Amino acid sequence: MVKDRYLADLMLMRLARWLRMAGQDVSNPPEGADDSDLIEIALKEKRTLLTRDKVLARRCEKAGIGSLLIISSDLDEQLGELEDAGIVLELNPERCTLCNGPLEEVESSEIVGDPPRLEEGATFWRCERCGKLYWQGSHWRGIRKRLDGEDR
């Protein structure tokens, strides 16, 4: 399945992290970027801009850049808006929630220091870009429920 690529504005950084948990490619805006910078990045990188800014969404439309205007400030409602727009929200650890880097599966023996104490055969992933470690812990069920819309 080919997935779209997204660029989140600063107002949607929390939503961007949740999209990454669903395996979506969502880049962060560079520090100090203004609306014109976001439009330029979205155009250059062929990304759909996720924004809560109506003026910015209109500017994207005029520039021929895909954008998705998110209305709500509530995370669960935002996830519902994305789902309504056809974006897949299934838990799929492919992207780092912090930097959007690709995740690679690693064995517990490859983890420097003490890995989290989990049941035998637990899956671990490491971000290839920033090194952040991820695993299927007790929080996994809550993430899946939220992405599946059970809490909405």
Protein backbone atom coordinates (compact mmCIF):
# COMPACT_ATOMS: atom_id res chain seq x y z
CA MET A 1 0.00 0.00 0.00
CA VAL A 2 1.39 3.41 -0.97
CA LYS A 3 1.03 5.92 1.82
CA ASP A 4 0.87 9.66 1.53
CA ARG A 5 3.56 11.84 3.02
CA TYR A 6 2.57 14.62 5.40
CA LEU A 7 4.01 17.76 6.94
CA ALA A 8 2.44 18.89 10.21
CA ASP A 9 2.43 22.51 11.27
CA LEU A 10 3.38 23.42 14.84
CA MET A 11 -0.25 23.31 16.04
CA LEU A 12 -0.48 19.61 15.17
CA MET A 13 2.73 18.16 16.57
CA ARG A 14 0.89 15.87 19.01
CA LEU A 15 -1.35 14.59 16.22
CA ALA A 16 1.77 14.03 14.07
CA ARG A 17 3.20 11.72 16.76
CA TRP A 18 0.01 9.66 16.75
CA LEU A 19 0.06 9.43 12.96
CA ARG A 20 3.63 8.13 13.15
CA MET A 21 2.44 5.40 15.55
CA ALA A 22 0.15 4.39 12.69
CA GLY A 23 3.18 4.13 10.39
CA GLN A 24 2.46 7.38 8.53
CA ASP A 25 5.37 9.49 7.23
CA VAL A 26 4.83 12.87 8.95
CA SER A 27 7.69 15.34 9.02
CA ASN A 28 8.10 18.12 11.56
CA PRO A 29 8.39 21.73 10.48
CA PRO A 30 11.90 23.13 10.82
CA GLU A 31 12.48 25.45 13.75
CA GLY A 32 11.44 28.99 12.91
CA ALA A 33 9.59 28.02 9.71
CA ASP A 34 6.84 30.38 8.63
CA ASP A 35 3.84 29.61 6.42
CA SER A 36 5.79 30.29 3.22
CA ASP A 37 8.49 27.87 4.35
CA LEU A 38 5.89 25.18 5.04
CA ILE A 39 4.38 25.62 1.59
CA GLU A 40 7.82 25.42 -0.01
CA ILE A 41 8.73 22.27 1.95
CA ALA A 42 5.39 20.58 1.17
CA LEU A 43 5.84 21.35 -2.53
CA LYS A 44 9.48 20.25 -2.67
CA GLU A 45 8.94 17.04 -0.67
CA LYS A 46 5.51 16.26 -2.19
CA ARG A 47 3.82 16.27 1.21
CA THR A 48 0.26 17.05 2.22
CA LEU A 49 0.22 19.82 4.81
CA LEU A 50 -1.74 19.13 8.00
CA THR A 51 -2.84 22.39 9.59
CA ARG A 52 -5.42 24.04 11.81
CA ASP A 53 -4.77 27.40 10.10
CA LYS A 54 -7.56 28.22 7.61
CA VAL A 55 -5.50 30.90 5.87
CA LEU A 56 -2.56 28.53 5.41
CA ALA A 57 -4.89 25.82 4.02
CA ARG A 58 -6.24 28.34 1.48
CA ARG A 59 -2.70 29.36 0.50
CA CYS A 60 -1.86 25.68 -0.07
CA GLU A 61 -4.92 25.30 -2.28
CA LYS A 62 -3.91 28.33 -4.38
CA ALA A 63 -0.37 26.95 -4.69
CA GLY A 64 -1.64 23.55 -5.80
CA ILE A 65 -0.44 21.79 -2.67
CA GLY A 66 -2.53 19.23 -0.87
CA SER A 67 -3.61 20.20 2.61
CA LEU A 68 -5.91 18.86 5.24
CA LEU A 69 -7.54 21.42 7.50
CA ILE A 70 -8.07 19.98 10.97
CA ILE A 71 -10.90 21.74 12.79
CA SER A 72 -10.81 20.33 16.31
CA SER A 73 -8.24 20.97 19.02
CA ASP A 74 -9.16 17.66 20.73
CA LEU A 75 -6.85 14.74 19.83
CA ASP A 76 -9.57 12.11 19.59
CA GLU A 77 -11.67 14.36 17.36
CA GLN A 78 -8.60 15.11 15.23
CA LEU A 79 -8.00 11.38 14.79
CA GLY A 80 -11.64 11.05 13.75
CA GLU A 81 -11.17 13.84 11.18
CA LEU A 82 -8.17 11.99 9.73
CA GLU A 83 -10.10 8.75 9.59
CA ASP A 84 -12.97 10.56 7.83
CA ALA A 85 -10.40 11.81 5.30
CA GLY A 86 -9.39 8.21 4.56
CA ILE A 87 -6.11 8.11 6.48
CA VAL A 88 -5.30 4.65 7.88
CA LEU A 89 -4.97 4.69 11.67
CA GLU A 90 -3.85 1.17 12.57
CA LEU A 91 -1.01 0.69 15.03
CA ASN A 92 2.01 0.06 12.83
CA PRO A 93 5.47 0.81 14.25
CA GLU A 94 7.39 1.96 11.18
CA ARG A 95 8.27 5.58 12.11
CA CYS A 96 9.86 7.24 15.15
CA THR A 97 7.29 9.33 17.00
CA LEU A 98 9.89 12.02 17.69
CA CYS A 99 11.91 12.49 14.49
CA ASN A 100 9.93 10.50 11.87
CA GLY A 101 12.96 8.30 11.16
CA PRO A 102 12.42 4.70 10.05
CA LEU A 103 12.32 2.02 12.76
CA GLU A 104 14.28 -1.20 12.56
CA GLU A 105 13.45 -4.31 14.55
CA VAL A 106 16.21 -5.24 17.01
CA GLU A 107 16.86 -8.19 19.29
CA SER A 108 16.93 -7.55 23.05
CA SER A 109 20.59 -8.66 23.02
CA GLU A 110 21.39 -5.66 20.76
CA ILE A 111 20.04 -3.14 23.28
CA VAL A 112 22.71 -1.23 25.17
CA GLY A 113 21.96 -1.23 28.90
CA ASP A 114 19.05 -3.11 30.42
CA PRO A 115 16.10 -3.55 28.06
CA PRO A 116 12.64 -3.14 29.59
CA ARG A 117 11.54 -6.29 31.39
CA LEU A 118 8.94 -7.79 29.13
CA GLU A 119 7.68 -11.26 28.41
CA GLU A 120 9.91 -13.60 26.42
CA GLY A 121 9.90 -12.88 22.68
CA ALA A 122 8.80 -9.22 22.99
CA THR A 123 9.44 -7.10 19.91
CA PHE A 124 11.77 -4.10 20.04
CA TRP A 125 12.38 -1.38 17.45
CA ARG A 126 15.05 1.31 17.28
CA CYS A 127 14.93 4.53 15.29
CA GLU A 128 17.62 4.47 12.63
CA ARG A 129 17.97 8.25 12.87
CA CYS A 130 17.85 9.18 16.58
CA GLY A 131 18.24 5.80 18.31
CA LYS A 132 15.02 5.98 20.39
CA LEU A 133 13.90 2.52 21.53
CA TYR A 134 10.30 1.27 21.22
CA TRP A 135 8.64 -1.92 22.47
CA GLN A 136 5.28 -3.55 22.95
CA GLY A 137 4.59 -2.79 26.59
CA SER A 138 1.45 -2.40 28.66
CA HIS A 139 0.78 0.95 26.93
CA TRP A 140 0.31 -0.84 23.58
CA ARG A 141 -3.33 -1.77 24.25
CA GLY A 142 -4.26 1.86 25.03
CA ILE A 143 -2.56 3.14 21.87
CA ARG A 144 -4.35 0.55 19.75
CA LYS A 145 -7.73 1.41 21.34
CA ARG A 146 -7.28 5.11 20.66
CA LEU A 147 -6.19 4.59 17.06
CA ASP A 148 -9.06 2.17 16.48
CA GLY A 149 -11.48 4.82 17.71
CA GLU A 150 -12.69 2.86 20.71
CA ASP A 151 -12.18 5.90 22.96
CA ARG A 152 -13.93 8.30 20.58
